[in-house]
């Protein structure tokens, strides 16, 4: 629940907001009020305030002065201004102080609720980002200070078979590392494999998060047992080795419960899907072979994520394979029956995820090849080549990701169908790809320069085909539309900020100020500087 402060020297205005806004729908649990700058400061000093709605003109200190004070002491508080006057100087100061929005009285309650909903969304997003950054900093510090331990080096030598898998040799190796391991001991191995990252991470961030997973495994799977070990097992995976004392009645069941807790925590805090594969009780000289068996089990697993799987419970014999109904799929694709085809792909693949049919990596690869052949065949019947329809990375890089799991394959296959049917039936009224292009352009304005090829790559289409499709739908070429949106973006910056025109040109995607001024005047009818002056006069 969030907390809000309403500040206005007019008591009836505050009471109107208290009664008129549906606070419970906004997830706001506490509504505080103040009628002056001093009263508002007292509230801040005694209560946590997430959001402030504030009048600007007040007799004992303006809302702008209050926000300046809040910014210095409570920078996470978002502020929405209310005022009776559309004075540009007020708006300009509000922007400088990073207010969230600026509304005129009398305010429509639904409009205010909409603004507050967006402000709360920003607060929530900021908190999630700060939480992630704090976790990242914590494990970054631990990662930088980490040093290999003797037991990790021992087990690495064992599983990589640097030391021969002979009991006597392993006993000697343990003695050399001053470890209390013997060939008569039994250990429970757990192979931990990240199947999917659900957040875009740089290579360094991914390494740090893998280190975080490792530390969590030491805590939750080994209980920080001094004789247990957690070591990297290649490709971001982990091998957890826990000694068995022989007295525990069912160590595998207990480990399965621990793995479920570990998986839940990792999914929540480390933005990943993973599986834990629990092996059988294993002697040190058998550990290399057991690890290979667990890795093979993971390689064949394309249906299950976020589960703890016991190796001895996994069926070793396979049921007969039920291939996809490709003939029907091909007919529906030729007929443009997008919804029927998508629904049947969901039905067919859903059987594997629900456990009603068996699927391994080899069978998924076969489905992929047959599916791709069906798509090529239909396109050929319609006189099209795949390279005229799809961007290269949709049929080269993306399939590598698609074959990791049924879920990934379904996402890839449905998008291939969408792109292909849009190309085959480009007279359809619904062209979502064009809308994707528009949203992508809008998201990148002010961030980077965009080329036609980059835009086409984002939607996995051939650039020439996308250009024709976009112009057919909008009447504009992609370059003309992009320039139009850049000018609109520049107009917004000229109206709402005091940035120099040169900086606005660069932010809008124009490196040359003279060229920007020429293009802007051609589109708007006045120079950027004249446009800013004219807007300031309103």
Protein backbone atom coordinates (compact mmCIF):
# COMPACT_ATOMS: atom_id res chain seq x y z
CA UNK A 1 0.00 0.00 0.00
CA UNK A 2 1.19 3.54 -0.79
CA UNK A 3 0.97 6.76 1.23
CA UNK A 4 -0.02 10.13 -0.20
CA UNK A 5 0.10 13.71 1.09
CA UNK A 6 -2.42 16.32 -0.14
CA UNK A 7 -1.20 19.92 0.28
CA UNK A 8 -3.46 22.95 -0.39
CA UNK A 9 -4.17 26.09 1.62
CA UNK A 10 -7.85 25.79 0.60
CA UNK A 11 -9.42 23.32 3.03
CA UNK A 12 -12.38 22.53 0.76
CA UNK A 13 -10.01 21.57 -2.08
CA UNK A 14 -8.29 19.01 0.13
CA UNK A 15 -11.61 17.64 1.37
CA UNK A 16 -12.83 17.38 -2.20
CA UNK A 17 -9.81 15.30 -3.17
CA UNK A 18 -10.18 13.12 -0.08
CA UNK A 19 -13.80 12.35 -0.94
CA UNK A 20 -13.65 12.33 -4.75
CA UNK A 21 -10.65 10.12 -5.54
CA UNK A 22 -11.06 6.34 -5.28
CA UNK A 23 -7.95 5.76 -3.19
CA UNK A 24 -8.52 2.03 -2.64
CA UNK A 25 -8.42 1.40 -6.40
CA UNK A 26 -5.02 3.10 -6.53
CA UNK A 27 -3.59 0.85 -3.77
CA UNK A 28 -3.23 3.93 -1.52
CA UNK A 29 -3.80 3.03 2.12
CA UNK A 30 -2.91 6.29 3.90
CA UNK A 31 -4.01 9.81 2.89
CA UNK A 32 -2.34 12.63 4.85
CA UNK A 33 -3.25 16.32 4.51
CA UNK A 34 -1.55 19.67 5.05
CA UNK A 35 -2.59 23.28 4.42
CA UNK A 36 0.81 25.00 4.36
CA UNK A 37 4.46 24.39 3.57
CA UNK A 38 5.28 24.08 7.29
CA UNK A 39 2.50 21.54 7.97
CA UNK A 40 3.65 19.48 4.96
CA UNK A 41 7.23 19.47 6.28
CA UNK A 42 5.98 18.22 9.64
CA UNK A 43 4.14 15.36 7.93
CA UNK A 44 7.29 14.39 6.02
CA UNK A 45 9.31 14.36 9.23
CA UNK A 46 6.86 12.04 10.98
CA UNK A 47 5.49 9.85 8.13
CA UNK A 48 6.84 8.08 5.05
CA UNK A 49 5.31 9.75 1.97
CA UNK A 50 5.42 8.03 -1.41
CA UNK A 51 3.43 10.57 -3.42
CA UNK A 52 2.50 14.24 -2.96
CA UNK A 53 -0.32 16.18 -4.65
CA UNK A 54 0.40 19.85 -4.08
CA UNK A 55 -0.99 23.29 -4.92
CA UNK A 56 1.58 25.77 -6.24
CA UNK A 57 0.30 29.11 -4.98
CA UNK A 58 0.07 29.16 -1.18
CA UNK A 59 0.50 32.21 1.07
CA UNK A 60 3.12 30.84 3.53
CA UNK A 61 5.45 29.18 1.05
CA UNK A 62 4.75 27.95 -2.48
CA UNK A 63 4.46 24.37 -3.68
CA UNK A 64 7.62 24.88 -5.72
CA UNK A 65 9.53 25.81 -2.54
CA UNK A 66 8.08 22.74 -0.83
CA UNK A 67 9.15 20.45 -3.69
CA UNK A 68 12.67 21.93 -3.62
CA UNK A 69 12.82 21.08 0.11
CA UNK A 70 11.43 17.56 -0.53
CA UNK A 71 13.92 16.90 -3.34
CA UNK A 72 16.84 17.56 -0.97
CA UNK A 73 15.55 15.29 1.82
CA UNK A 74 13.12 12.76 0.29
CA UNK A 75 14.18 12.30 -3.35
CA UNK A 76 12.07 9.12 -3.85
CA UNK A 77 8.77 10.99 -3.34
CA UNK A 78 6.90 11.71 -6.60
CA UNK A 79 4.97 14.99 -6.90
CA UNK A 80 1.93 16.05 -8.95
CA UNK A 81 1.19 19.78 -9.02
CA UNK A 82 -2.27 21.40 -9.07
CA UNK A 83 -2.69 25.06 -9.94
CA UNK A 84 -5.33 27.54 -11.08
CA UNK A 85 -2.98 29.23 -13.56
CA UNK A 86 -1.42 27.83 -16.74
CA UNK A 87 1.72 29.92 -16.18
CA UNK A 88 4.65 28.60 -18.27
CA UNK A 89 7.20 29.80 -15.71
CA UNK A 90 5.55 27.57 -13.11
CA UNK A 91 5.61 24.60 -15.44
CA UNK A 92 9.25 25.31 -16.27
CA UNK A 93 10.26 25.33 -12.60
CA UNK A 94 8.20 22.20 -11.97
CA UNK A 95 10.08 20.40 -14.75
CA UNK A 96 13.42 21.55 -13.32
CA UNK A 97 12.44 20.09 -9.96
CA UNK A 98 11.46 16.78 -11.65
CA UNK A 99 7.78 16.87 -10.75
CA UNK A 100 5.83 13.94 -12.20
CA UNK A 101 2.98 15.97 -13.73
CA UNK A 102 1.31 19.38 -13.77
CA UNK A 103 -2.52 19.67 -13.74
CA UNK A 104 -4.88 22.64 -13.82
CA UNK A 105 -7.70 23.24 -11.34
CA UNK A 106 -10.48 22.32 -11.20
CA UNK A 107 -9.07 18.86 -11.80
CA UNK A 108 -11.16 16.00 -13.16
CA UNK A 109 -10.95 13.17 -10.62
CA UNK A 110 -10.66 10.47 -13.27
CA UNK A 111 -7.81 12.38 -14.94
CA UNK A 112 -6.07 12.72 -11.56
CA UNK A 113 -6.55 9.00 -10.85
CA UNK A 114 -4.97 8.21 -14.22
CA UNK A 115 -1.95 10.42 -13.43
CA UNK A 116 -1.60 8.92 -9.94
CA UNK A 117 -1.77 5.40 -11.40
CA UNK A 118 1.17 6.22 -13.68
CA UNK A 119 3.08 7.83 -10.82
CA UNK A 120 2.58 4.75 -8.63
CA UNK A 121 3.73 2.57 -11.53
CA UNK A 122 6.93 4.63 -11.69
CA UNK A 123 7.44 4.32 -7.91
CA UNK A 124 6.93 0.56 -8.11
CA UNK A 125 9.38 0.26 -11.02
CA UNK A 126 11.98 2.39 -9.23
CA UNK A 127 11.70 0.21 -6.13
CA UNK A 128 12.11 -3.01 -8.12
CA UNK A 129 15.15 -1.59 -9.89
CA UNK A 130 16.69 -0.44 -6.59
CA UNK A 131 16.07 -3.89 -5.09
CA UNK A 132 17.76 -5.59 -8.03
CA UNK A 133 20.69 -3.14 -7.92
CA UNK A 134 21.16 -3.75 -4.19
CA UNK A 135 21.23 -7.53 -4.72
CA UNK A 136 23.62 -6.99 -7.61
CA UNK A 137 25.95 -4.81 -5.49
CA UNK A 138 25.88 -7.30 -2.61
CA UNK A 139 26.90 -10.26 -4.71
CA UNK A 140 29.31 -8.18 -6.78
CA UNK A 141 31.24 -7.43 -3.58
CA UNK A 142 31.20 -11.09 -2.58
CA UNK A 143 32.17 -12.19 -6.08
CA UNK A 144 35.16 -9.85 -6.21
CA UNK A 145 36.48 -11.14 -2.86
CA UNK A 146 35.84 -14.86 -3.53
CA UNK A 147 38.77 -17.30 -3.59
CA UNK A 148 38.64 -21.00 -4.57
CA UNK A 149 38.44 -23.40 -1.64
CA UNK A 150 40.33 -26.67 -1.23
CA UNK A 151 37.20 -28.79 -1.40
CA UNK A 152 36.10 -27.12 -4.64
CA UNK A 153 39.47 -27.87 -6.23
CA UNK A 154 39.22 -31.47 -5.01
CA UNK A 155 35.78 -32.07 -6.52
CA UNK A 156 36.72 -30.28 -9.73
CA UNK A 157 39.65 -32.69 -10.13
CA UNK A 158 37.31 -35.62 -9.40
CA UNK A 159 34.53 -34.75 -11.89
CA UNK A 160 36.98 -33.63 -14.59
CA UNK A 161 38.92 -36.87 -13.89
CA UNK A 162 42.20 -35.05 -13.46
CA UNK A 163 42.65 -37.63 -10.73
CA UNK A 164 41.80 -41.21 -11.90
CA UNK A 165 38.37 -42.54 -10.85
CA UNK A 166 40.00 -45.20 -8.64
CA UNK A 167 39.16 -45.32 -4.90
CA UNK A 168 42.80 -45.49 -3.76
CA UNK A 169 43.82 -42.52 -5.94
CA UNK A 170 40.91 -40.43 -4.69
CA UNK A 171 41.84 -41.24 -1.08
CA UNK A 172 45.37 -40.00 -1.79
CA UNK A 173 44.04 -36.84 -3.45
CA UNK A 174 41.77 -36.05 -0.48
CA UNK A 175 44.71 -36.47 1.89
CA UNK A 176 46.83 -34.11 -0.22
CA UNK A 177 44.08 -31.47 0.10
CA UNK A 178 43.78 -32.18 3.85
CA UNK A 179 40.09 -33.13 3.42
CA UNK A 180 38.27 -35.79 5.49
CA UNK A 181 36.89 -37.57 2.41
CA UNK A 182 37.36 -41.30 1.78
CA UNK A 183 36.31 -43.65 -0.99
CA UNK A 184 33.92 -45.36 1.45
CA UNK A 185 31.82 -42.21 1.95
CA UNK A 186 28.63 -41.57 0.02
CA UNK A 187 27.51 -38.19 -1.30
CA UNK A 188 24.23 -36.90 -2.74
CA UNK A 189 24.85 -34.91 -5.95
CA UNK A 190 22.46 -32.19 -7.17
CA UNK A 191 22.94 -30.71 -10.64
CA UNK A 192 21.54 -27.17 -10.88
CA UNK A 193 20.91 -25.79 -14.38
CA UNK A 194 19.60 -22.33 -15.31
CA UNK A 195 17.18 -22.91 -18.16
CA UNK A 196 16.23 -19.28 -18.87
CA UNK A 197 17.08 -15.77 -17.66
CA UNK A 198 13.93 -13.64 -17.39
CA UNK A 199 15.80 -10.32 -17.37
CA UNK A 200 18.27 -8.90 -19.86
CA UNK A 201 21.71 -9.07 -18.22
CA UNK A 202 25.14 -8.04 -19.41
CA UNK A 203 27.79 -10.75 -19.40
CA UNK A 204 29.25 -9.42 -16.16
CA UNK A 205 25.81 -9.14 -14.51
CA UNK A 206 25.06 -12.73 -15.51
CA UNK A 207 28.33 -13.93 -13.95
CA UNK A 208 27.48 -12.10 -10.75
CA UNK A 209 23.97 -13.56 -10.67
CA UNK A 210 25.42 -17.04 -11.24
CA UNK A 211 27.62 -16.38 -8.22
CA UNK A 212 24.50 -15.33 -6.31
CA UNK A 213 22.84 -18.62 -7.28
CA UNK A 214 25.90 -20.44 -5.98
CA UNK A 215 25.82 -18.69 -2.63
CA UNK A 216 22.10 -19.38 -2.32
CA UNK A 217 22.79 -23.07 -3.06
CA UNK A 218 25.39 -23.18 -0.28
CA UNK A 219 22.85 -21.76 2.14
CA UNK A 220 19.67 -23.59 1.10
CA UNK A 221 20.90 -26.91 -0.34
CA UNK A 222 23.89 -27.64 1.88
CA UNK A 223 22.90 -25.70 5.00
CA UNK A 224 26.47 -24.34 4.92
CA UNK A 225 27.70 -27.83 5.77
CA UNK A 226 31.50 -27.57 6.11
CA UNK A 227 31.99 -30.89 4.28
CA UNK A 228 29.61 -30.11 1.41
CA UNK A 229 30.73 -28.38 -1.78
CA UNK A 230 29.18 -26.25 -4.53
CA UNK A 231 31.22 -25.91 -7.72
CA UNK A 232 30.69 -24.66 -11.29
CA UNK A 233 29.87 -27.46 -13.73
CA UNK A 234 30.07 -25.57 -17.04
CA UNK A 235 27.65 -23.32 -18.91
CA UNK A 236 26.50 -21.52 -15.79
CA UNK A 237 25.43 -24.79 -14.10
CA UNK A 238 26.36 -25.97 -10.59
CA UNK A 239 27.16 -29.29 -8.97
CA UNK A 240 26.17 -29.52 -5.31
CA UNK A 241 27.79 -32.38 -3.38
CA UNK A 242 26.35 -33.14 0.07
CA UNK A 243 27.84 -35.89 2.33
CA UNK A 244 25.42 -38.56 3.62
CA UNK A 245 25.80 -39.74 7.21
CA UNK A 246 23.74 -42.92 6.80
CA UNK A 247 21.43 -42.11 9.72
CA UNK A 248 18.92 -39.99 7.82
CA UNK A 249 15.85 -42.00 6.81
CA UNK A 250 15.12 -40.41 3.41
CA UNK A 251 17.84 -37.89 2.37
CA UNK A 252 16.54 -37.66 -1.22
CA UNK A 253 13.06 -36.56 -0.07
CA UNK A 254 14.60 -33.97 2.25
CA UNK A 255 16.82 -32.68 -0.56
CA UNK A 256 13.80 -32.44 -2.88
CA UNK A 257 12.07 -30.17 -0.35
CA UNK A 258 15.22 -28.03 -0.07
CA UNK A 259 15.43 -27.79 -3.87
CA UNK A 260 11.85 -26.56 -4.13
CA UNK A 261 12.59 -23.77 -1.64
CA UNK A 262 15.81 -22.92 -3.49
CA UNK A 263 14.00 -22.79 -6.86
CA UNK A 264 11.25 -20.52 -5.48
CA UNK A 265 13.84 -18.11 -4.05
CA UNK A 266 15.94 -18.01 -7.23
CA UNK A 267 12.88 -17.43 -9.41
CA UNK A 268 11.80 -14.53 -7.19
CA UNK A 269 15.12 -12.78 -6.56
CA UNK A 270 17.44 -13.78 -9.40
CA UNK A 271 15.08 -13.57 -12.42
CA UNK A 272 15.65 -17.08 -13.75
CA UNK A 273 13.96 -20.41 -14.43
CA UNK A 274 15.98 -23.44 -13.39
CA UNK A 275 15.84 -27.15 -12.60
CA UNK A 276 17.51 -29.23 -9.90
CA UNK A 277 18.39 -32.82 -10.78
CA UNK A 278 18.95 -35.01 -7.70
CA UNK A 279 21.18 -38.04 -8.26
CA UNK A 280 21.53 -41.24 -6.24
CA UNK A 281 23.91 -41.84 -3.30
CA UNK A 282 27.34 -41.79 -4.99
CA UNK A 283 30.90 -42.67 -4.01
CA UNK A 284 33.61 -40.13 -4.96
CA UNK A 285 35.05 -42.35 -7.71
CA UNK A 286 31.53 -42.60 -9.26
CA UNK A 287 30.84 -38.85 -9.19
CA UNK A 288 32.13 -38.06 -12.70
CA UNK A 289 29.84 -40.68 -14.24
CA UNK A 290 26.85 -39.54 -12.14
CA UNK A 291 27.39 -35.93 -13.23
CA UNK A 292 27.36 -36.99 -16.90
CA UNK A 293 24.06 -38.82 -16.34
CA UNK A 294 22.49 -35.75 -14.73
CA UNK A 295 23.75 -33.51 -17.52
CA UNK A 296 22.28 -35.88 -20.11
CA UNK A 297 18.95 -35.79 -18.27
CA UNK A 298 19.01 -31.98 -18.43
CA UNK A 299 19.90 -31.97 -22.13
CA UNK A 300 16.87 -34.17 -22.82
CA UNK A 301 14.56 -32.03 -20.67
CA UNK A 302 12.67 -29.61 -22.92
CA UNK A 303 9.34 -29.62 -21.08
CA UNK A 304 9.97 -28.88 -17.38
CA UNK A 305 11.27 -25.78 -15.61
CA UNK A 306 11.40 -24.69 -11.97
CA UNK A 307 11.17 -28.30 -10.74
CA UNK A 308 13.24 -30.65 -8.61
CA UNK A 309 13.64 -33.97 -10.47
CA UNK A 310 14.94 -37.17 -8.87
CA UNK A 311 17.14 -39.06 -11.34
CA UNK A 312 15.91 -42.50 -10.25
CA UNK A 313 12.27 -41.44 -10.83
CA UNK A 314 12.79 -40.31 -14.44
CA UNK A 315 11.53 -42.95 -16.94
CA UNK A 316 14.41 -44.41 -18.97
CA UNK A 317 12.16 -45.87 -21.73
CA UNK A 318 10.23 -43.61 -24.06
CA UNK A 319 6.65 -43.77 -25.26
CA UNK A 320 5.93 -43.81 -29.03
CA UNK A 321 6.31 -40.39 -30.61
CA UNK A 322 3.17 -38.56 -31.72
CA UNK A 323 4.30 -36.19 -34.53
CA UNK A 324 2.57 -32.86 -35.15
CA UNK A 325 -0.32 -32.71 -37.69
CA UNK A 326 1.79 -30.83 -40.23
CA UNK A 327 -0.56 -31.48 -43.17
CA UNK A 328 -3.44 -29.75 -41.36
CA UNK A 329 -1.13 -26.96 -40.20
CA UNK A 330 0.03 -26.39 -43.76
CA UNK A 331 -3.55 -26.22 -45.06
CA UNK A 332 -4.54 -23.73 -42.37
CA UNK A 333 -1.47 -21.62 -43.12
CA UNK A 334 -2.29 -21.58 -46.84
CA UNK A 335 -5.86 -20.53 -45.98
CA UNK A 336 -4.67 -17.77 -43.64
CA UNK A 337 -6.45 -19.41 -40.65
CA UNK A 338 -4.08 -17.76 -38.17
CA UNK A 339 -6.16 -18.23 -35.00
CA UNK A 340 -7.03 -21.87 -35.74
CA UNK A 341 -3.40 -22.70 -36.52
CA UNK A 342 -2.08 -20.92 -33.40
CA UNK A 343 -4.64 -22.67 -31.20
CA UNK A 344 -3.68 -26.10 -32.54
CA UNK A 345 0.05 -25.41 -32.07
CA UNK A 346 -0.75 -24.45 -28.46
CA UNK A 347 -2.83 -27.63 -28.04
CA UNK A 348 -0.17 -29.93 -29.48
CA UNK A 349 2.75 -28.49 -27.51
CA UNK A 350 0.69 -28.10 -24.34
CA UNK A 351 0.36 -31.90 -24.09
CA UNK A 352 4.10 -32.17 -23.51
CA UNK A 353 4.18 -29.45 -20.85
CA UNK A 354 1.22 -31.06 -19.06
CA UNK A 355 2.99 -34.44 -19.02
CA UNK A 356 0.40 -36.14 -21.26
CA UNK A 357 3.10 -37.05 -23.80
CA UNK A 358 6.88 -37.43 -23.66
CA UNK A 359 9.33 -35.16 -25.44
CA UNK A 360 13.11 -34.91 -25.37
CA UNK A 361 15.62 -32.68 -27.14
CA UNK A 362 15.95 -34.99 -30.16
CA UNK A 363 12.20 -35.11 -30.68
CA UNK A 364 11.86 -31.33 -30.27
CA UNK A 365 14.57 -30.88 -32.91
CA UNK A 366 12.64 -33.17 -35.24
CA UNK A 367 9.44 -31.13 -34.67
CA UNK A 368 11.41 -27.96 -35.39
CA UNK A 369 12.81 -29.30 -38.68
CA UNK A 370 9.42 -30.58 -39.85
CA UNK A 371 7.72 -27.31 -38.88
CA UNK A 372 10.30 -25.24 -40.74
CA UNK A 373 9.98 -27.45 -43.81
CA UNK A 374 6.19 -26.93 -43.74
CA UNK A 375 6.62 -23.14 -43.59
CA UNK A 376 9.12 -23.17 -46.50
CA UNK A 377 6.77 -25.38 -48.54
CA UNK A 378 3.75 -23.08 -48.09
CA UNK A 379 5.80 -19.99 -48.91
CA UNK A 380 7.15 -21.70 -52.04
CA UNK A 381 3.60 -22.58 -53.16
CA UNK A 382 2.76 -18.89 -52.89
CA UNK A 383 5.83 -17.93 -54.93
CA UNK A 384 7.87 -16.56 -52.01
CA UNK A 385 11.38 -17.28 -50.76
CA UNK A 386 12.04 -17.32 -47.02
CA UNK A 387 14.72 -14.61 -47.27
CA UNK A 388 12.10 -12.28 -48.78
CA UNK A 389 9.92 -12.63 -45.70
CA UNK A 390 12.11 -13.25 -42.66
CA UNK A 391 15.14 -11.48 -41.23
CA UNK A 392 18.19 -13.75 -41.06
CA UNK A 393 18.30 -13.90 -37.26
CA UNK A 394 14.75 -15.29 -37.04
CA UNK A 395 15.80 -18.42 -38.91
CA UNK A 396 19.42 -18.70 -37.66
CA UNK A 397 20.02 -17.25 -34.18
CA UNK A 398 16.47 -17.53 -32.85
CA UNK A 399 16.08 -21.28 -33.52
CA UNK A 400 19.03 -21.97 -31.24
CA UNK A 401 17.09 -20.33 -28.44
CA UNK A 402 13.82 -21.95 -29.54
CA UNK A 403 15.22 -25.45 -29.15
CA UNK A 404 16.02 -24.94 -25.47
CA UNK A 405 12.47 -25.76 -24.34
CA UNK A 406 8.90 -26.34 -25.50
CA UNK A 407 8.00 -22.91 -24.15
CA UNK A 408 10.72 -21.19 -26.20
CA UNK A 409 9.81 -23.19 -29.32
CA UNK A 410 6.13 -22.26 -28.98
CA UNK A 411 6.95 -18.54 -28.75
CA UNK A 412 9.22 -18.79 -31.81
CA UNK A 413 6.80 -20.91 -33.88
CA UNK A 414 3.82 -18.62 -33.22
CA UNK A 415 5.82 -15.59 -34.27
CA UNK A 416 7.03 -17.31 -37.45
CA UNK A 417 3.38 -18.09 -38.29
CA UNK A 418 2.34 -14.49 -37.60
CA UNK A 419 5.06 -13.07 -39.86
CA UNK A 420 4.41 -15.58 -42.65
CA UNK A 421 0.62 -15.17 -42.69
CA UNK A 422 0.93 -11.38 -42.57
CA UNK A 423 3.14 -11.62 -45.66
CA UNK A 424 0.83 -14.06 -47.45
CA UNK A 425 -2.28 -12.03 -46.66
CA UNK A 426 -1.04 -8.48 -46.46
CA UNK A 427 -4.53 -7.13 -47.35
CA UNK A 428 -5.81 -8.13 -43.88
CA UNK A 429 -6.97 -5.20 -41.77
CA UNK A 430 -4.97 -6.39 -38.75
CA UNK A 431 -1.26 -5.79 -39.25
CA UNK A 432 0.27 -5.98 -35.77
CA UNK A 433 3.83 -5.92 -37.12
CA UNK A 434 3.39 -2.29 -38.24
CA UNK A 435 2.20 -1.41 -34.75
CA UNK A 436 5.26 -3.19 -33.30
CA UNK A 437 7.47 -1.06 -35.53
CA UNK A 438 5.74 2.12 -34.35
CA UNK A 439 6.13 1.15 -30.70
CA UNK A 440 9.79 0.24 -31.23
CA UNK A 441 10.52 3.59 -32.89
CA UNK A 442 8.72 5.43 -30.07
CA UNK A 443 10.73 3.54 -27.44
CA UNK A 444 14.06 4.35 -29.10
CA UNK A 445 13.55 8.08 -29.74
CA UNK A 446 16.09 9.96 -27.69
CA UNK A 447 18.06 6.76 -27.02
CA UNK A 448 19.88 5.93 -30.24
CA UNK A 449 19.99 6.49 -33.97
CA UNK A 450 17.87 4.01 -35.91
CA UNK A 451 18.43 2.54 -39.35
CA UNK A 452 15.91 0.74 -41.52
CA UNK A 453 17.88 -2.48 -41.03
CA UNK A 454 17.81 -2.20 -37.20
CA UNK A 455 14.05 -1.64 -37.23
CA UNK A 456 13.49 -4.61 -39.56
CA UNK A 457 15.73 -6.80 -37.42
CA UNK A 458 13.64 -5.97 -34.35
CA UNK A 459 10.56 -7.57 -35.94
CA UNK A 460 12.58 -10.26 -37.77
CA UNK A 461 11.57 -9.13 -41.24
CA UNK A 462 13.41 -8.52 -44.48
CA UNK A 463 14.01 -4.71 -44.68
CA UNK A 464 12.62 -4.38 -48.24
CA UNK A 465 9.47 -6.30 -47.37
CA UNK A 466 8.95 -4.32 -44.16
CA UNK A 467 9.30 -1.06 -46.10
CA UNK A 468 6.57 -2.10 -48.56
CA UNK A 469 4.32 -3.37 -45.76
CA UNK A 470 4.76 -0.22 -43.67
CA UNK A 471 4.04 2.14 -46.56
CA UNK A 472 0.96 0.15 -47.58
CA UNK A 473 -0.43 0.44 -44.05
CA UNK A 474 0.56 4.04 -43.18
CA UNK A 475 1.11 5.79 -46.50
CA UNK A 476 4.60 6.76 -45.32
CA UNK A 477 7.98 5.20 -45.82
CA UNK A 478 9.76 4.13 -42.65
CA UNK A 479 12.32 6.92 -43.06
CA UNK A 480 9.58 9.56 -43.48
CA UNK A 481 7.69 8.22 -40.46
CA UNK A 482 10.88 8.15 -38.40
CA UNK A 483 11.66 11.75 -39.33
CA UNK A 484 8.09 12.76 -38.47
CA UNK A 485 8.39 11.18 -35.02
CA UNK A 486 11.80 12.80 -34.44
CA UNK A 487 10.32 16.22 -35.18
CA UNK A 488 7.42 15.55 -32.77
CA UNK A 489 9.94 14.45 -30.15
CA UNK A 490 11.97 17.63 -30.70
CA UNK A 491 8.82 19.78 -30.41
CA UNK A 492 8.09 18.20 -27.06
CA UNK A 493 11.60 18.95 -25.78
CA UNK A 494 11.40 22.54 -27.04
CA UNK A 495 8.10 23.03 -25.21
CA UNK A 496 8.92 21.28 -21.93
CA UNK A 497 12.63 21.87 -21.32
CA UNK A 498 15.23 24.61 -21.46
CA UNK A 499 17.86 22.46 -23.17
CA UNK A 500 19.91 24.25 -25.85
CA UNK A 501 18.61 23.69 -29.38
CA UNK A 502 21.86 21.92 -30.29
CA UNK A 503 21.36 19.37 -27.50
CA UNK A 504 17.76 18.83 -28.57
CA UNK A 505 18.93 18.21 -32.14
CA UNK A 506 21.32 15.49 -30.95
CA UNK A 507 18.68 13.98 -28.63
CA UNK A 508 16.25 13.84 -31.56
CA UNK A 509 18.71 11.97 -33.77
CA UNK A 510 20.31 14.83 -35.74
CA UNK A 511 24.05 15.31 -35.33
CA UNK A 512 24.10 18.46 -37.51
CA UNK A 513 22.32 21.51 -36.03
CA UNK A 514 21.98 23.27 -39.37
CA UNK A 515 20.38 20.23 -40.99
CA UNK A 516 18.06 19.82 -38.00
CA UNK A 517 16.94 23.46 -38.26
CA UNK A 518 16.28 23.07 -41.99
CA UNK A 519 14.27 19.87 -41.56
CA UNK A 520 12.35 21.30 -38.57
CA UNK A 521 11.40 24.49 -40.44
CA UNK A 522 10.29 22.49 -43.48
CA UNK A 523 8.04 20.32 -41.30
CA UNK A 524 6.73 22.89 -38.82
CA UNK A 525 6.99 26.17 -40.74
CA UNK A 526 9.28 27.94 -38.25
CA UNK A 527 12.78 27.43 -36.88
CA UNK A 528 13.25 25.54 -33.59
CA UNK A 529 14.09 28.76 -31.74
CA UNK A 530 11.00 30.55 -33.10
CA UNK A 531 8.85 27.56 -32.22
CA UNK A 532 10.10 27.63 -28.62
CA UNK A 533 9.42 31.38 -28.35
CA UNK A 534 5.91 30.94 -29.73
CA UNK A 535 5.10 28.18 -27.24
CA UNK A 536 6.46 30.20 -24.32
CA UNK A 537 4.04 32.94 -25.22
CA UNK A 538 1.02 30.67 -24.68
